[in-house]
PDB file of N, CA and C in Angstrom:
ATOM      1  N   MET A   1      80.080  28.248  57.051  1.00  0.00           N
ATOM      2  CA  MET A   1      79.346  27.699  55.938  1.00  0.00           C
ATOM      3  C   MET A   1      79.120  26.217  56.175  1.00  0.00           C
ATOM      4  N   GLU A   2      77.896  25.817  56.068  1.00  0.00           N
ATOM      5  CA  GLU A   2      77.552  24.429  56.320  1.00  0.00           C
ATOM      6  C   GLU A   2      77.122  23.765  55.015  1.00  0.00           C
ATOM      7  N   THR A   3      77.578  22.575  54.781  1.00  0.00           N
ATOM      8  CA  THR A   3      77.175  21.831  53.592  1.00  0.00           C
ATOM      9  C   THR A   3      76.312  20.662  54.021  1.00  0.00           C
ATOM     10  N   THR A   4      75.328  20.395  53.222  1.00  0.00           N
ATOM     11  CA  THR A   4      74.458  19.260  53.518  1.00  0.00           C
ATOM     12  C   THR A   4      74.410  18.354  52.286  1.00  0.00           C
ATOM     13  N   MET A   5      74.206  17.105  52.525  1.00  0.00           N
ATOM     14  CA  MET A   5      74.109  16.142  51.439  1.00  0.00           C
ATOM     15  C   MET A   5      72.686  15.618  51.391  1.00  0.00           C
ATOM     16  N   THR A   6      72.119  15.623  50.228  1.00  0.00           N
ATOM     17  CA  THR A   6      70.763  15.111  50.050  1.00  0.00           C
ATOM     18  C   THR A   6      70.835  13.764  49.368  1.00  0.00           C
ATOM     19  N   THR A   7      70.096  12.835  49.889  1.00  0.00           N
ATOM     20  CA  THR A   7      70.043  11.514  49.261  1.00  0.00           C
ATOM     21  C   THR A   7      68.611  11.235  48.820  1.00  0.00           C
ATOM     22  N   THR A   8      68.489  10.492  47.773  1.00  0.00           N
ATOM     23  CA  THR A   8      67.176  10.123  47.253  1.00  0.00           C
ATOM     24  C   THR A   8      67.086   8.610  47.230  1.00  0.00           C
ATOM     25  N   THR A   9      65.950   8.107  47.682  1.00  0.00           N
ATOM     26  CA  THR A   9      65.739   6.670  47.696  1.00  0.00           C
ATOM     27  C   THR A   9      64.589   6.340  46.763  1.00  0.00           C
ATOM     28  N   PHE A  10      64.790   5.320  45.941  1.00  0.00           N
ATOM     29  CA  PHE A  10      63.757   4.880  45.015  1.00  0.00           C
ATOM     30  C   PHE A  10      63.268   3.501  45.417  1.00  0.00           C
ATOM     31  N   GLN A  11      62.006   3.271  45.194  1.00  0.00           N
ATOM     32  CA  GLN A  11      61.458   1.954  45.455  1.00  0.00           C
ATOM     33  C   GLN A  11      61.992   0.993  44.393  1.00  0.00           C
ATOM     34  N   PRO A  12      62.144  -0.275  44.753  1.00  0.00           N
ATOM     35  CA  PRO A  12      62.613  -1.246  43.759  1.00  0.00           C
ATOM     36  C   PRO A  12      61.668  -1.328  42.557  1.00  0.00           C
ATOM     37  N   GLY A  13      62.251  -1.367  41.367  1.00  0.00           N
ATOM     38  CA  GLY A  13      61.462  -1.496  40.156  1.00  0.00           C
ATOM     39  C   GLY A  13      61.020  -0.180  39.551  1.00  0.00           C
ATOM     40  N   THR A  14      61.344   0.942  40.175  1.00  0.00           N
ATOM     41  CA  THR A  14      60.941   2.240  39.639  1.00  0.00           C
ATOM     42  C   THR A  14      62.133   3.015  39.104  1.00  0.00           C
ATOM     43  N   ASP A  15      63.279   2.371  38.960  1.00  0.00           N
ATOM     44  CA  ASP A  15      64.480   3.084  38.543  1.00  0.00           C
ATOM     45  C   ASP A  15      64.373   3.663  37.130  1.00  0.00           C
ATOM     46  N   ASN A  16      63.596   3.045  36.269  1.00  0.00           N
ATOM     47  CA  ASN A  16      63.484   3.520  34.903  1.00  0.00           C
ATOM     48  C   ASN A  16      62.233   4.372  34.682  1.00  0.00           C
ATOM     49  N   HIS A  17      61.318   4.386  35.635  1.00  0.00           N
ATOM     50  CA  HIS A  17      60.040   5.071  35.486  1.00  0.00           C
ATOM     51  C   HIS A  17      60.222   6.578  35.379  1.00  0.00           C
ATOM     52  N   ALA A  18      61.040   7.162  36.209  1.00  0.00           N
ATOM     53  CA  ALA A  18      61.226   8.611  36.218  1.00  0.00           C
ATOM     54  C   ALA A  18      61.834   9.081  34.908  1.00  0.00           C
ATOM     55  N   SER A  19      62.809   8.373  34.399  1.00  0.00           N
ATOM     56  CA  SER A  19      63.441   8.807  33.160  1.00  0.00           C
ATOM     57  C   SER A  19      62.477   8.679  31.980  1.00  0.00           C
ATOM     58  N   ASN A  20      61.608   7.683  31.991  1.00  0.00           N
ATOM     59  CA  ASN A  20      60.612   7.558  30.933  1.00  0.00           C
ATOM     60  C   ASN A  20      59.627   8.714  30.949  1.00  0.00           C
ATOM     61  N   ASP A  21      59.234   9.161  32.132  1.00  0.00           N
ATOM     62  CA  ASP A  21      58.326  10.303  32.244  1.00  0.00           C
ATOM     63  C   ASP A  21      58.975  11.566  31.696  1.00  0.00           C
ATOM     64  N   VAL A  22      60.236  11.755  32.003  1.00  0.00           N
ATOM     65  CA  VAL A  22      60.951  12.935  31.521  1.00  0.00           C
ATOM     66  C   VAL A  22      61.076  12.889  30.002  1.00  0.00           C
ATOM     67  N   LEU A  23      61.439  11.756  29.463  1.00  0.00           N
ATOM     68  CA  LEU A  23      61.572  11.628  28.010  1.00  0.00           C
ATOM     69  C   LEU A  23      60.230  11.848  27.309  1.00  0.00           C
ATOM     70  N   HIS A  24      59.162  11.350  27.910  1.00  0.00           N
ATOM     71  CA  HIS A  24      57.833  11.530  27.333  1.00  0.00           C
ATOM     72  C   HIS A  24      57.460  13.012  27.311  1.00  0.00           C
ATOM     73  N   ALA A  25      57.733  13.711  28.396  1.00  0.00           N
ATOM     74  CA  ALA A  25      57.433  15.143  28.474  1.00  0.00           C
ATOM     75  C   ALA A  25      58.273  15.923  27.471  1.00  0.00           C
ATOM     76  N   LEU A  26      59.543  15.559  27.328  1.00  0.00           N
ATOM     77  CA  LEU A  26      60.403  16.248  26.366  1.00  0.00           C
ATOM     78  C   LEU A  26      59.950  16.001  24.929  1.00  0.00           C
ATOM     79  N   ALA A  27      59.455  14.820  24.652  1.00  0.00           N
ATOM     80  CA  ALA A  27      58.993  14.511  23.307  1.00  0.00           C
ATOM     81  C   ALA A  27      57.680  15.227  22.994  1.00  0.00           C
ATOM     82  N   GLU A  28      56.832  15.423  23.984  1.00  0.00           N
ATOM     83  CA  GLU A  28      55.552  16.064  23.757  1.00  0.00           C
ATOM     84  C   GLU A  28      55.636  17.583  23.702  1.00  0.00           C
ATOM     85  N   PHE A  29      56.661  18.176  24.292  1.00  0.00           N
ATOM     86  CA  PHE A  29      56.747  19.624  24.368  1.00  0.00           C
ATOM     87  C   PHE A  29      56.764  20.299  22.994  1.00  0.00           C
ATOM     88  N   PRO A  30      57.619  19.873  22.052  1.00  0.00           N
ATOM     89  CA  PRO A  30      57.621  20.558  20.743  1.00  0.00           C
ATOM     90  C   PRO A  30      56.276  20.464  20.018  1.00  0.00           C
ATOM     91  N   VAL A  31      55.613  19.330  20.154  1.00  0.00           N
ATOM     92  CA  VAL A  31      54.312  19.162  19.503  1.00  0.00           C
ATOM     93  C   VAL A  31      53.286  20.096  20.138  1.00  0.00           C
ATOM     94  N   ALA A  32      53.247  20.140  21.455  1.00  0.00           N
ATOM     95  CA  ALA A  32      52.299  21.020  22.148  1.00  0.00           C
ATOM     96  C   ALA A  32      52.579  22.482  21.843  1.00  0.00           C
ATOM     97  N   TRP A  33      53.855  22.835  21.776  1.00  0.00           N
ATOM     98  CA  TRP A  33      54.218  24.218  21.472  1.00  0.00           C
ATOM     99  C   TRP A  33      53.784  24.583  20.059  1.00  0.00           C
ATOM    100  N   PHE A  34      54.045  23.699  19.094  1.00  0.00           N
ATOM    101  CA  PHE A  34      53.667  23.987  17.717  1.00  0.00           C
ATOM    102  C   PHE A  34      52.166  24.099  17.566  1.00  0.00           C
ATOM    103  N   GLU A  35      51.418  23.239  18.250  1.00  0.00           N
ATOM    104  CA  GLU A  35      49.961  23.286  18.164  1.00  0.00           C
ATOM    105  C   GLU A  35      49.391  24.559  18.767  1.00  0.00           C
ATOM    106  N   ALA A  36      50.151  25.236  19.609  1.00  0.00           N
ATOM    107  CA  ALA A  36      49.697  26.476  20.223  1.00  0.00           C
ATOM    108  C   ALA A  36      50.044  27.710  19.385  1.00  0.00           C
ATOM    109  N   THR A  37      50.745  27.542  18.281  1.00  0.00           N
ATOM    110  CA  THR A  37      51.135  28.671  17.443  1.00  0.00           C
ATOM    111  C   THR A  37      50.103  28.914  16.348  1.00  0.00           C
ATOM    112  N   PRO A  38      50.037  30.147  15.852  1.00  0.00           N
ATOM    113  CA  PRO A  38      49.131  30.426  14.732  1.00  0.00           C
ATOM    114  C   PRO A  38      49.490  29.649  13.460  1.00  0.00           C
ATOM    115  N   ALA A  39      50.755  29.294  13.304  1.00  0.00           N
ATOM    116  CA  ALA A  39      51.176  28.542  12.119  1.00  0.00           C
ATOM    117  C   ALA A  39      50.454  27.207  12.038  1.00  0.00           C
ATOM    118  N   TYR A  40      50.164  26.605  13.172  1.00  0.00           N
ATOM    119  CA  TYR A  40      49.460  25.319  13.191  1.00  0.00           C
ATOM    120  C   TYR A  40      48.062  25.458  12.582  1.00  0.00           C
ATOM    121  N   LEU A  41      47.412  26.592  12.864  1.00  0.00           N
ATOM    122  CA  LEU A  41      46.074  26.817  12.328  1.00  0.00           C
ATOM    123  C   LEU A  41      46.101  26.944  10.805  1.00  0.00           C
ATOM    124  N   VAL A  42      47.186  27.494  10.265  1.00  0.00           N
ATOM    125  CA  VAL A  42      47.310  27.661   8.815  1.00  0.00           C
ATOM    126  C   VAL A  42      47.794  26.371   8.168  1.00  0.00           C
ATOM    127  N   LEU A  43      48.769  25.718   8.790  1.00  0.00           N
ATOM    128  CA  LEU A  43      49.368  24.539   8.173  1.00  0.00           C
ATOM    129  C   LEU A  43      48.487  23.293   8.265  1.00  0.00           C
ATOM    130  N   GLY A  44      47.595  23.234   9.222  1.00  0.00           N
ATOM    131  CA  GLY A  44      46.712  22.064   9.354  1.00  0.00           C
ATOM    132  C   GLY A  44      45.880  21.813   8.100  1.00  0.00           C
ATOM    133  N   PRO A  45      45.119  22.810   7.638  1.00  0.00           N
ATOM    134  CA  PRO A  45      44.332  22.610   6.419  1.00  0.00           C
ATOM    135  C   PRO A  45      45.199  22.395   5.170  1.00  0.00           C
ATOM    136  N   ILE A  46      46.336  23.055   5.116  1.00  0.00           N
ATOM    137  CA  ILE A  46      47.237  22.873   3.970  1.00  0.00           C
ATOM    138  C   ILE A  46      47.753  21.442   3.939  1.00  0.00           C
ATOM    139  N   ALA A  47      48.142  20.921   5.094  1.00  0.00           N
ATOM    140  CA  ALA A  47      48.637  19.543   5.167  1.00  0.00           C
ATOM    141  C   ALA A  47      47.540  18.552   4.788  1.00  0.00           C
ATOM    142  N   ALA A  48      46.317  18.806   5.225  1.00  0.00           N
ATOM    143  CA  ALA A  48      45.203  17.912   4.878  1.00  0.00           C
ATOM    144  C   ALA A  48      44.965  17.921   3.375  1.00  0.00           C
ATOM    145  N   PHE A  49      45.011  19.106   2.767  1.00  0.00           N
ATOM    146  CA  PHE A  49      44.833  19.203   1.320  1.00  0.00           C
ATOM    147  C   PHE A  49      45.937  18.440   0.589  1.00  0.00           C
ATOM    148  N   LEU A  50      47.186  18.607   1.026  1.00  0.00           N
ATOM    149  CA  LEU A  50      48.297  17.928   0.359  1.00  0.00           C
ATOM    150  C   LEU A  50      48.215  16.408   0.512  1.00  0.00           C
ATOM    151  N   ARG A  51      47.754  15.940   1.670  1.00  0.00           N
ATOM    152  CA  ARG A  51      47.571  14.496   1.863  1.00  0.00           C
ATOM    153  C   ARG A  51      46.524  13.953   0.905  1.00  0.00           C
ATOM    154  N   GLU A  52      45.403  14.651   0.797  1.00  0.00           N
ATOM    155  CA  GLU A  52      44.341  14.196  -0.104  1.00  0.00           C
ATOM    156  C   GLU A  52      44.793  14.278  -1.564  1.00  0.00           C
ATOM    157  N   TRP A  53      45.513  15.325  -1.909  1.00  0.00           N
ATOM    158  CA  TRP A  53      46.013  15.471  -3.273  1.00  0.00           C
ATOM    159  C   TRP A  53      46.994  14.349  -3.616  1.00  0.00           C
ATOM    160  N   ALA A  54      47.919  14.065  -2.687  1.00  0.00           N
ATOM    161  CA  ALA A  54      48.894  12.998  -2.928  1.00  0.00           C
ATOM    162  C   ALA A  54      48.197  11.641  -3.054  1.00  0.00           C
ATOM    163  N   ALA A  55      47.139  11.424  -2.275  1.00  0.00           N
ATOM    164  CA  ALA A  55      46.419  10.155  -2.344  1.00  0.00           C
ATOM    165  C   ALA A  55      45.682  10.008  -3.679  1.00  0.00           C
ATOM    166  N   ALA A  56      45.357  11.135  -4.325  1.00  0.00           N
ATOM    167  CA  ALA A  56      44.633  11.080  -5.590  1.00  0.00           C
ATOM    168  C   ALA A  56      45.551  10.891  -6.795  1.00  0.00           C
ATOM    169  N   THR A  57      46.854  10.941  -6.597  1.00  0.00           N
ATOM    170  CA  THR A  57      47.790  10.748  -7.710  1.00  0.00           C
ATOM    171  C   THR A  57      47.968   9.246  -7.955  1.00  0.00           C
ATOM    172  N   PRO A  58      48.486   8.880  -9.125  1.00  0.00           N
ATOM    173  CA  PRO A  58      48.736   7.450  -9.383  1.00  0.00           C
ATOM    174  C   PRO A  58      49.659   6.810  -8.337  1.00  0.00           C
ATOM    175  N   ALA A  59      50.660   7.537  -7.904  1.00  0.00           N
ATOM    176  CA  ALA A  59      51.556   6.996  -6.863  1.00  0.00           C
ATOM    177  C   ALA A  59      50.792   6.784  -5.563  1.00  0.00           C
ATOM    178  N   GLY A  60      49.855   7.668  -5.262  1.00  0.00           N
ATOM    179  CA  GLY A  60      49.029   7.520  -4.071  1.00  0.00           C
ATOM    180  C   GLY A  60      48.153   6.292  -4.119  1.00  0.00           C
ATOM    181  N   PHE A  61      47.600   6.025  -5.307  1.00  0.00           N
ATOM    182  CA  PHE A  61      46.795   4.809  -5.475  1.00  0.00           C
ATOM    183  C   PHE A  61      47.632   3.555  -5.246  1.00  0.00           C
ATOM    184  N   VAL A  62      48.823   3.545  -5.806  1.00  0.00           N
ATOM    185  CA  VAL A  62      49.703   2.370  -5.630  1.00  0.00           C
ATOM    186  C   VAL A  62      50.069   2.194  -4.170  1.00  0.00           C
ATOM    187  N   LEU A  63      50.422   3.289  -3.488  1.00  0.00           N
ATOM    188  CA  LEU A  63      50.773   3.184  -2.066  1.00  0.00           C
ATOM    189  C   LEU A  63      49.586   2.721  -1.229  1.00  0.00           C
ATOM    190  N   SER A  64      48.383   3.186  -1.554  1.00  0.00           N
ATOM    191  CA  SER A  64      47.239   2.738  -0.775  1.00  0.00           C
ATOM    192  C   SER A  64      46.957   1.262  -0.995  1.00  0.00           C
ATOM    193  N   LEU A  65      47.224   0.767  -2.209  1.00  0.00           N
ATOM    194  CA  LEU A  65      47.047  -0.674  -2.469  1.00  0.00           C
ATOM    195  C   LEU A  65      48.104  -1.489  -1.724  1.00  0.00           C
ATOM    196  N   LEU A  66      49.305  -0.950  -1.616  1.00  0.00           N
ATOM    197  CA  LEU A  66      50.377  -1.675  -0.915  1.00  0.00           C
ATOM    198  C   LEU A  66      50.135  -1.714   0.589  1.00  0.00           C
ATOM    199  N   LYS A  67      49.465  -0.725   1.139  1.00  0.00           N
ATOM    200  CA  LYS A  67      49.192  -0.671   2.591  1.00  0.00           C
ATOM    201  C   LYS A  67      48.167  -1.713   2.997  1.00  0.00           C
ATOM    202  N   ARG A  68      47.299  -2.128   2.082  1.00  0.00           N
ATOM    203  CA  ARG A  68      46.228  -3.071   2.424  1.00  0.00           C
ATOM    204  C   ARG A  68      46.683  -4.462   2.425  1.00  0.00           C
TER     205      ARG A  68
END
């Protein structure tokens, strides 16, 4: 049985680049998965309606004034 050792060399200044790519991919996966489900097609219009409804309430008016 023979064992081998693998070494990896990184260019200077790229030590954090690979981990950022992995974290970005991990963060995007749940969103991409949810957007591919039928639930997304149903919940999208419902969420839009609820956003518009909340904006039309008195609390929504106050929050929109505070954002400006």
